[in-house]
N, C-alpha and C. Protein backbone atom coordinates (compact mmCIF):
# COMPACT_ATOMS: atom_id res chain seq x y z
N MET A 1 89.50 102.56 115.90
CA MET A 1 90.74 103.26 116.19
C MET A 1 91.90 102.49 115.59
N THR A 2 93.02 103.17 115.48
CA THR A 2 94.20 102.50 114.99
C THR A 2 94.64 101.48 116.01
N GLY A 3 95.25 100.43 115.52
CA GLY A 3 95.77 99.42 116.42
C GLY A 3 96.93 99.99 117.22
N GLU A 4 97.23 99.33 118.34
CA GLU A 4 98.29 99.86 119.19
C GLU A 4 99.64 99.82 118.49
N HIS A 5 99.75 99.06 117.42
CA HIS A 5 101.02 98.97 116.70
C HIS A 5 101.07 99.89 115.49
N SER A 6 99.98 100.60 115.20
CA SER A 6 99.96 101.50 114.06
C SER A 6 100.56 102.84 114.43
N ASP A 7 101.39 103.34 113.55
CA ASP A 7 102.05 104.63 113.77
C ASP A 7 101.57 105.59 112.71
N VAL A 8 100.71 106.54 113.09
CA VAL A 8 100.22 107.56 112.16
C VAL A 8 101.15 108.76 112.26
N SER A 9 101.65 109.21 111.12
CA SER A 9 102.51 110.39 111.13
C SER A 9 102.32 111.19 109.85
N LEU A 10 102.88 112.39 109.87
CA LEU A 10 102.85 113.28 108.71
C LEU A 10 104.28 113.51 108.26
N ARG A 11 104.45 113.65 106.94
CA ARG A 11 105.76 114.00 106.40
C ARG A 11 105.55 114.80 105.12
N ASP A 12 106.65 115.38 104.62
CA ASP A 12 106.57 116.10 103.36
C ASP A 12 106.13 115.16 102.24
N VAL A 13 105.45 115.72 101.26
CA VAL A 13 104.98 114.94 100.11
C VAL A 13 106.13 114.72 99.14
N THR A 14 106.25 113.50 98.66
CA THR A 14 107.22 113.20 97.60
C THR A 14 106.47 112.97 96.29
N ASP A 15 107.19 113.03 95.20
CA ASP A 15 106.56 112.81 93.90
C ASP A 15 105.97 111.40 93.81
N ASP A 16 106.63 110.43 94.41
CA ASP A 16 106.09 109.06 94.40
C ASP A 16 104.75 108.97 95.12
N ASP A 17 104.56 109.79 96.15
CA ASP A 17 103.29 109.79 96.88
C ASP A 17 102.13 110.17 95.97
N LEU A 18 102.39 111.04 95.01
CA LEU A 18 101.31 111.55 94.17
C LEU A 18 100.58 110.44 93.43
N HIS A 19 101.30 109.42 93.02
CA HIS A 19 100.67 108.32 92.28
C HIS A 19 99.72 107.53 93.19
N VAL A 20 100.11 107.34 94.44
CA VAL A 20 99.24 106.66 95.41
C VAL A 20 98.03 107.54 95.71
N LEU A 21 98.25 108.83 95.92
CA LEU A 21 97.15 109.75 96.21
C LEU A 21 96.17 109.81 95.05
N HIS A 22 96.69 109.77 93.82
CA HIS A 22 95.80 109.75 92.66
C HIS A 22 94.92 108.51 92.67
N ASP A 23 95.51 107.37 92.97
CA ASP A 23 94.73 106.13 93.01
C ASP A 23 93.62 106.23 94.06
N TYR A 24 93.92 106.81 95.23
CA TYR A 24 92.90 106.97 96.26
C TYR A 24 91.78 107.88 95.78
N GLU A 25 92.11 108.90 95.00
CA GLU A 25 91.09 109.83 94.50
C GLU A 25 90.13 109.15 93.53
N GLN A 26 90.53 108.06 92.93
CA GLN A 26 89.69 107.37 91.95
C GLN A 26 88.68 106.42 92.57
N ASP A 27 88.78 106.15 93.87
CA ASP A 27 87.90 105.20 94.54
C ASP A 27 86.45 105.67 94.45
N PRO A 28 85.57 104.86 93.84
CA PRO A 28 84.18 105.29 93.64
C PRO A 28 83.44 105.64 94.94
N GLU A 29 83.69 104.92 96.01
CA GLU A 29 83.01 105.23 97.27
C GLU A 29 83.52 106.55 97.85
N ALA A 30 84.80 106.81 97.73
CA ALA A 30 85.35 108.09 98.20
C ALA A 30 84.77 109.25 97.40
N VAL A 31 84.63 109.04 96.11
CA VAL A 31 84.05 110.07 95.24
C VAL A 31 82.60 110.33 95.63
N ARG A 32 81.86 109.25 95.90
CA ARG A 32 80.45 109.39 96.29
C ARG A 32 80.34 110.17 97.60
N ARG A 33 81.19 109.86 98.56
CA ARG A 33 81.11 110.51 99.88
C ARG A 33 81.56 111.97 99.83
N SER A 34 82.53 112.27 99.01
CA SER A 34 83.08 113.63 98.99
C SER A 34 82.40 114.54 97.98
N ARG A 35 81.77 113.94 96.97
CA ARG A 35 81.20 114.68 95.84
C ARG A 35 82.31 115.43 95.08
N PHE A 36 83.49 114.84 95.07
CA PHE A 36 84.63 115.41 94.37
C PHE A 36 84.83 114.63 93.08
N THR A 37 84.99 115.34 91.97
CA THR A 37 85.18 114.69 90.68
C THR A 37 86.64 114.27 90.52
N PRO A 38 86.90 112.97 90.38
CA PRO A 38 88.28 112.53 90.22
C PRO A 38 88.86 113.02 88.89
N ARG A 39 90.16 113.24 88.88
CA ARG A 39 90.83 113.76 87.69
C ARG A 39 91.67 112.67 87.04
N PRO A 40 91.84 112.77 85.72
CA PRO A 40 92.79 111.86 85.06
C PRO A 40 94.19 112.10 85.64
N ARG A 41 95.03 111.08 85.59
CA ARG A 41 96.36 111.14 86.22
C ARG A 41 97.14 112.38 85.80
N ASP A 42 97.18 112.71 84.51
CA ASP A 42 97.99 113.86 84.08
C ASP A 42 97.49 115.17 84.68
N ARG A 43 96.17 115.35 84.74
CA ARG A 43 95.62 116.58 85.36
C ARG A 43 95.85 116.60 86.85
N PHE A 44 95.71 115.44 87.50
CA PHE A 44 95.96 115.34 88.93
C PHE A 44 97.40 115.72 89.24
N LEU A 45 98.35 115.13 88.52
CA LEU A 45 99.77 115.41 88.77
C LEU A 45 100.11 116.87 88.51
N LYS A 46 99.58 117.42 87.44
CA LYS A 46 99.84 118.84 87.13
C LYS A 46 99.30 119.73 88.25
N HIS A 47 98.06 119.47 88.68
CA HIS A 47 97.45 120.26 89.76
C HIS A 47 98.30 120.18 91.02
N TRP A 48 98.66 118.99 91.42
CA TRP A 48 99.43 118.83 92.65
C TRP A 48 100.81 119.46 92.55
N ARG A 49 101.49 119.23 91.44
CA ARG A 49 102.86 119.75 91.31
C ARG A 49 102.87 121.27 91.22
N GLU A 50 101.91 121.86 90.50
CA GLU A 50 101.93 123.30 90.27
C GLU A 50 101.13 124.08 91.30
N ARG A 51 99.91 123.64 91.58
CA ARG A 51 99.01 124.45 92.41
C ARG A 51 99.05 124.11 93.89
N VAL A 52 99.41 122.90 94.22
CA VAL A 52 99.48 122.53 95.64
C VAL A 52 100.92 122.63 96.13
N LEU A 53 101.78 121.79 95.60
CA LEU A 53 103.18 121.80 96.04
C LEU A 53 103.91 123.06 95.59
N GLY A 54 103.47 123.65 94.48
CA GLY A 54 104.12 124.83 93.95
C GLY A 54 103.65 126.14 94.57
N ASP A 55 102.67 126.08 95.46
CA ASP A 55 102.12 127.29 96.08
C ASP A 55 102.66 127.40 97.51
N PRO A 56 103.47 128.41 97.79
CA PRO A 56 104.03 128.53 99.14
C PRO A 56 102.98 128.76 100.22
N ASP A 57 101.77 129.16 99.84
CA ASP A 57 100.70 129.34 100.81
C ASP A 57 100.13 128.01 101.29
N CYS A 58 100.25 126.97 100.47
CA CYS A 58 99.70 125.66 100.83
C CYS A 58 100.64 124.95 101.81
N LEU A 59 100.06 124.44 102.87
CA LEU A 59 100.78 123.55 103.77
C LEU A 59 100.21 122.17 103.48
N VAL A 60 101.06 121.26 103.06
CA VAL A 60 100.58 119.94 102.66
C VAL A 60 101.49 118.87 103.24
N ARG A 61 100.87 117.79 103.69
CA ARG A 61 101.62 116.68 104.26
C ARG A 61 101.01 115.37 103.79
N THR A 62 101.88 114.39 103.61
CA THR A 62 101.45 113.02 103.37
C THR A 62 101.17 112.39 104.73
N VAL A 63 100.06 111.68 104.82
CA VAL A 63 99.73 110.91 106.00
C VAL A 63 100.28 109.51 105.79
N THR A 64 101.02 109.01 106.76
CA THR A 64 101.52 107.64 106.67
C THR A 64 101.03 106.84 107.88
N VAL A 65 100.85 105.56 107.65
CA VAL A 65 100.53 104.61 108.70
C VAL A 65 101.54 103.49 108.61
N ASP A 66 102.32 103.33 109.65
CA ASP A 66 103.40 102.34 109.66
C ASP A 66 104.28 102.47 108.42
N GLY A 67 104.52 103.73 108.00
CA GLY A 67 105.39 104.02 106.87
C GLY A 67 104.74 103.95 105.50
N GLU A 68 103.50 103.50 105.42
CA GLU A 68 102.78 103.40 104.15
C GLU A 68 101.95 104.66 103.91
N VAL A 69 101.88 105.11 102.66
CA VAL A 69 101.08 106.29 102.32
C VAL A 69 99.60 105.98 102.53
N ALA A 70 98.98 106.75 103.43
CA ALA A 70 97.57 106.56 103.75
C ALA A 70 96.69 107.67 103.17
N GLY A 71 97.29 108.83 102.86
CA GLY A 71 96.51 109.94 102.35
C GLY A 71 97.27 111.24 102.47
N SER A 72 96.51 112.34 102.50
CA SER A 72 97.13 113.67 102.57
C SER A 72 96.24 114.61 103.37
N VAL A 73 96.88 115.66 103.89
CA VAL A 73 96.17 116.76 104.54
C VAL A 73 96.79 118.04 103.99
N VAL A 74 95.93 119.01 103.67
CA VAL A 74 96.42 120.25 103.07
C VAL A 74 95.60 121.43 103.58
N SER A 75 96.25 122.58 103.70
CA SER A 75 95.54 123.82 103.99
C SER A 75 95.94 124.87 102.96
N TRP A 76 95.02 125.77 102.67
CA TRP A 76 95.22 126.79 101.65
C TRP A 76 94.31 127.97 101.97
N THR A 77 94.54 129.08 101.30
CA THR A 77 93.76 130.29 101.54
C THR A 77 92.97 130.66 100.30
N VAL A 78 91.68 130.97 100.50
CA VAL A 78 90.80 131.43 99.43
C VAL A 78 90.09 132.68 99.94
N ASP A 79 90.25 133.79 99.23
CA ASP A 79 89.57 135.04 99.60
C ASP A 79 89.77 135.38 101.08
N GLY A 80 90.99 135.21 101.56
CA GLY A 80 91.33 135.57 102.93
C GLY A 80 90.93 134.55 103.98
N GLN A 81 90.31 133.44 103.58
CA GLN A 81 89.92 132.41 104.55
C GLN A 81 90.80 131.18 104.36
N ARG A 82 91.32 130.66 105.46
CA ARG A 82 92.18 129.47 105.46
C ARG A 82 91.31 128.22 105.58
N TYR A 83 91.51 127.27 104.66
CA TYR A 83 90.75 126.02 104.63
C TYR A 83 91.67 124.85 104.87
N VAL A 84 91.09 123.77 105.38
CA VAL A 84 91.80 122.51 105.51
C VAL A 84 90.98 121.42 104.81
N GLY A 85 91.70 120.50 104.20
CA GLY A 85 91.07 119.35 103.56
C GLY A 85 91.97 118.14 103.70
N TYR A 86 91.40 116.98 103.54
CA TYR A 86 92.17 115.75 103.67
C TYR A 86 91.53 114.68 102.81
N TRP A 87 92.33 113.66 102.52
CA TRP A 87 91.85 112.53 101.74
C TRP A 87 92.60 111.31 102.20
N LEU A 88 91.88 110.30 102.61
CA LEU A 88 92.50 109.05 103.02
C LEU A 88 92.05 107.92 102.11
N GLY A 89 92.98 107.00 101.85
CA GLY A 89 92.61 105.80 101.11
C GLY A 89 91.67 104.94 101.93
N ARG A 90 90.79 104.22 101.25
CA ARG A 90 89.77 103.45 101.94
C ARG A 90 90.32 102.44 102.96
N PRO A 91 91.49 101.84 102.72
CA PRO A 91 92.01 100.92 103.76
C PRO A 91 92.25 101.59 105.11
N TYR A 92 92.25 102.91 105.15
CA TYR A 92 92.56 103.64 106.38
C TYR A 92 91.33 104.29 107.01
N TRP A 93 90.16 104.06 106.44
CA TRP A 93 88.93 104.61 106.99
C TRP A 93 88.55 103.85 108.27
N ALA A 94 87.87 104.57 109.17
CA ALA A 94 87.27 103.99 110.38
C ALA A 94 88.30 103.28 111.27
N ARG A 95 89.54 103.77 111.24
CA ARG A 95 90.61 103.20 112.07
C ARG A 95 91.24 104.26 112.97
N GLY A 96 90.68 105.48 112.97
CA GLY A 96 91.26 106.55 113.78
C GLY A 96 92.39 107.28 113.10
N VAL A 97 92.71 106.90 111.87
CA VAL A 97 93.84 107.52 111.16
C VAL A 97 93.54 108.99 110.87
N GLY A 98 92.33 109.27 110.40
CA GLY A 98 91.96 110.66 110.10
C GLY A 98 91.99 111.53 111.35
N THR A 99 91.50 111.00 112.45
CA THR A 99 91.50 111.75 113.71
C THR A 99 92.92 112.10 114.12
N ARG A 100 93.80 111.13 114.09
CA ARG A 100 95.19 111.36 114.50
C ARG A 100 95.89 112.30 113.52
N ALA A 101 95.71 112.07 112.21
CA ALA A 101 96.38 112.89 111.20
C ALA A 101 95.93 114.34 111.28
N LEU A 102 94.63 114.56 111.41
CA LEU A 102 94.14 115.94 111.49
C LEU A 102 94.66 116.61 112.76
N GLY A 103 94.69 115.88 113.86
CA GLY A 103 95.23 116.44 115.09
C GLY A 103 96.68 116.88 114.94
N LEU A 104 97.48 116.04 114.30
CA LEU A 104 98.88 116.40 114.05
C LEU A 104 98.98 117.63 113.15
N PHE A 105 98.13 117.67 112.12
CA PHE A 105 98.17 118.78 111.17
C PHE A 105 97.76 120.09 111.83
N LEU A 106 96.77 120.04 112.71
CA LEU A 106 96.32 121.26 113.38
C LEU A 106 97.39 121.83 114.31
N GLU A 107 98.34 121.01 114.73
CA GLU A 107 99.48 121.51 115.48
C GLU A 107 100.45 122.26 114.57
N LEU A 108 100.51 121.86 113.29
CA LEU A 108 101.40 122.52 112.33
C LEU A 108 100.83 123.83 111.83
N ASP A 109 99.57 123.80 111.42
CA ASP A 109 98.92 125.00 110.88
C ASP A 109 98.01 125.55 111.96
N GLN A 110 98.47 126.59 112.63
CA GLN A 110 97.70 127.16 113.73
C GLN A 110 96.99 128.45 113.35
N VAL A 111 96.84 128.70 112.04
CA VAL A 111 96.07 129.87 111.59
C VAL A 111 94.61 129.64 111.99
N ARG A 112 94.05 130.64 112.61
CA ARG A 112 92.65 130.59 113.00
C ARG A 112 92.03 131.93 112.66
N PRO A 113 90.81 131.97 112.21
CA PRO A 113 89.95 130.81 112.06
C PRO A 113 90.41 129.92 110.89
N LEU A 114 90.06 128.65 110.98
CA LEU A 114 90.35 127.65 109.96
C LEU A 114 89.02 127.04 109.55
N TYR A 115 88.79 126.93 108.25
CA TYR A 115 87.51 126.47 107.72
C TYR A 115 87.65 125.10 107.06
N ALA A 116 86.53 124.40 106.99
CA ALA A 116 86.41 123.16 106.23
C ALA A 116 84.98 123.13 105.68
N ASP A 117 84.81 122.47 104.54
CA ASP A 117 83.46 122.41 103.96
C ASP A 117 83.18 121.04 103.34
N PRO A 118 83.07 120.01 104.18
CA PRO A 118 82.78 118.68 103.66
C PRO A 118 81.35 118.58 103.12
N PHE A 119 81.15 117.66 102.19
CA PHE A 119 79.82 117.37 101.67
C PHE A 119 78.92 116.97 102.84
N SER A 120 77.70 117.50 102.84
CA SER A 120 76.79 117.28 103.97
C SER A 120 76.48 115.80 104.20
N GLY A 121 76.55 115.00 103.16
CA GLY A 121 76.28 113.58 103.31
C GLY A 121 77.47 112.79 103.83
N ASN A 122 78.62 113.43 103.96
CA ASN A 122 79.82 112.75 104.45
C ASN A 122 79.87 112.90 105.97
N THR A 123 78.99 112.19 106.64
CA THR A 123 78.85 112.35 108.09
C THR A 123 80.12 111.99 108.84
N ALA A 124 80.89 111.03 108.35
CA ALA A 124 82.13 110.66 109.04
C ALA A 124 83.11 111.83 109.05
N SER A 125 83.21 112.53 107.93
CA SER A 125 84.12 113.67 107.85
C SER A 125 83.64 114.82 108.73
N VAL A 126 82.35 115.07 108.73
CA VAL A 126 81.79 116.12 109.57
C VAL A 126 82.07 115.81 111.04
N ARG A 127 81.84 114.56 111.44
CA ARG A 127 82.09 114.17 112.85
C ARG A 127 83.57 114.32 113.20
N LEU A 128 84.45 113.93 112.29
CA LEU A 128 85.89 114.04 112.55
C LEU A 128 86.27 115.49 112.82
N LEU A 129 85.79 116.40 112.00
CA LEU A 129 86.09 117.82 112.18
C LEU A 129 85.50 118.35 113.48
N GLU A 130 84.27 117.96 113.79
CA GLU A 130 83.65 118.42 115.02
C GLU A 130 84.39 117.89 116.26
N ARG A 131 84.94 116.69 116.19
CA ARG A 131 85.73 116.15 117.31
C ARG A 131 86.96 117.01 117.58
N HIS A 132 87.43 117.71 116.55
CA HIS A 132 88.60 118.58 116.70
C HIS A 132 88.22 120.02 117.03
N GLY A 133 86.95 120.26 117.32
CA GLY A 133 86.53 121.59 117.75
C GLY A 133 85.93 122.46 116.67
N PHE A 134 85.83 121.97 115.44
CA PHE A 134 85.17 122.74 114.38
C PHE A 134 83.69 122.84 114.71
N GLU A 135 83.13 124.02 114.45
CA GLU A 135 81.71 124.24 114.72
C GLU A 135 81.01 124.63 113.42
N ARG A 136 79.75 124.23 113.34
CA ARG A 136 78.96 124.54 112.14
C ARG A 136 78.71 126.04 112.03
N ALA A 137 78.94 126.55 110.81
CA ALA A 137 78.77 127.98 110.57
C ALA A 137 77.84 128.25 109.39
N GLY A 138 77.16 127.22 108.91
CA GLY A 138 76.26 127.38 107.79
C GLY A 138 76.48 126.31 106.75
N THR A 139 75.96 126.60 105.56
CA THR A 139 76.14 125.67 104.44
C THR A 139 76.59 126.46 103.22
N VAL A 140 77.22 125.75 102.29
CA VAL A 140 77.63 126.33 101.01
C VAL A 140 77.28 125.34 99.92
N LEU A 141 77.06 125.86 98.75
CA LEU A 141 76.80 124.99 97.60
C LEU A 141 78.04 124.90 96.73
N HIS A 142 78.37 123.69 96.35
CA HIS A 142 79.39 123.45 95.32
C HIS A 142 78.64 122.73 94.22
N GLY A 143 78.35 123.47 93.14
CA GLY A 143 77.45 122.93 92.13
C GLY A 143 76.08 122.79 92.77
N GLU A 144 75.49 121.63 92.67
CA GLU A 144 74.18 121.39 93.28
C GLU A 144 74.29 120.69 94.64
N ASP A 145 75.51 120.43 95.08
CA ASP A 145 75.72 119.71 96.32
C ASP A 145 75.89 120.65 97.50
N GLU A 146 75.13 120.37 98.57
CA GLU A 146 75.24 121.17 99.78
C GLU A 146 76.39 120.65 100.64
N HIS A 147 77.23 121.57 101.07
CA HIS A 147 78.35 121.25 101.95
C HIS A 147 78.17 122.02 103.25
N ILE A 148 78.66 121.45 104.31
CA ILE A 148 78.58 122.10 105.62
C ILE A 148 79.83 122.94 105.82
N LEU A 149 79.65 124.21 106.14
CA LEU A 149 80.77 125.08 106.46
C LEU A 149 81.04 124.96 107.95
N LEU A 150 82.28 124.57 108.27
CA LEU A 150 82.71 124.40 109.65
C LEU A 150 83.87 125.36 109.90
N VAL A 151 83.97 125.83 111.14
CA VAL A 151 85.05 126.77 111.47
C VAL A 151 85.67 126.39 112.82
N LEU A 152 86.97 126.49 112.88
CA LEU A 152 87.72 126.29 114.11
C LEU A 152 88.31 127.65 114.47
N ASP A 153 87.88 128.18 115.59
CA ASP A 153 88.28 129.54 115.96
C ASP A 153 89.53 129.63 116.83
N ARG A 154 89.89 128.53 117.49
CA ARG A 154 91.06 128.62 118.38
C ARG A 154 91.95 127.38 118.21
N PRO A 155 93.24 127.54 118.50
CA PRO A 155 94.17 126.39 118.38
C PRO A 155 93.84 125.31 119.40
């Protein structure tokens, strides 16, 4: 869990945050756990500036711990289904930061049902979502990787 002196909060994303978030996306262990292919900086920045921050449907927040950028949480809609995703830098893993950040985010985005589809091998992420009331609804394939489809039906 976070220490009693750690302050986990959410705030709007700034352009400076994007460089930190890009660095977190490059972490080999994070890539292994998520099965997400990291992008070169220019593609990452373009995607975030145009498709994430530039899309009014996306709700996105920077996660901070004691004022430092720890990661991000975002929700978006695909084919009528609302999804949530998050990414934390490795220094913030296993400290309760994800639990607190997701809880705060779920207060902001109360669209239900809300879906998530973490890689099946990312047991920490699956457990975090289940602690917040997400329930297993099946599996989906992204490429050759099996992901668990989770759904949260109520606020």
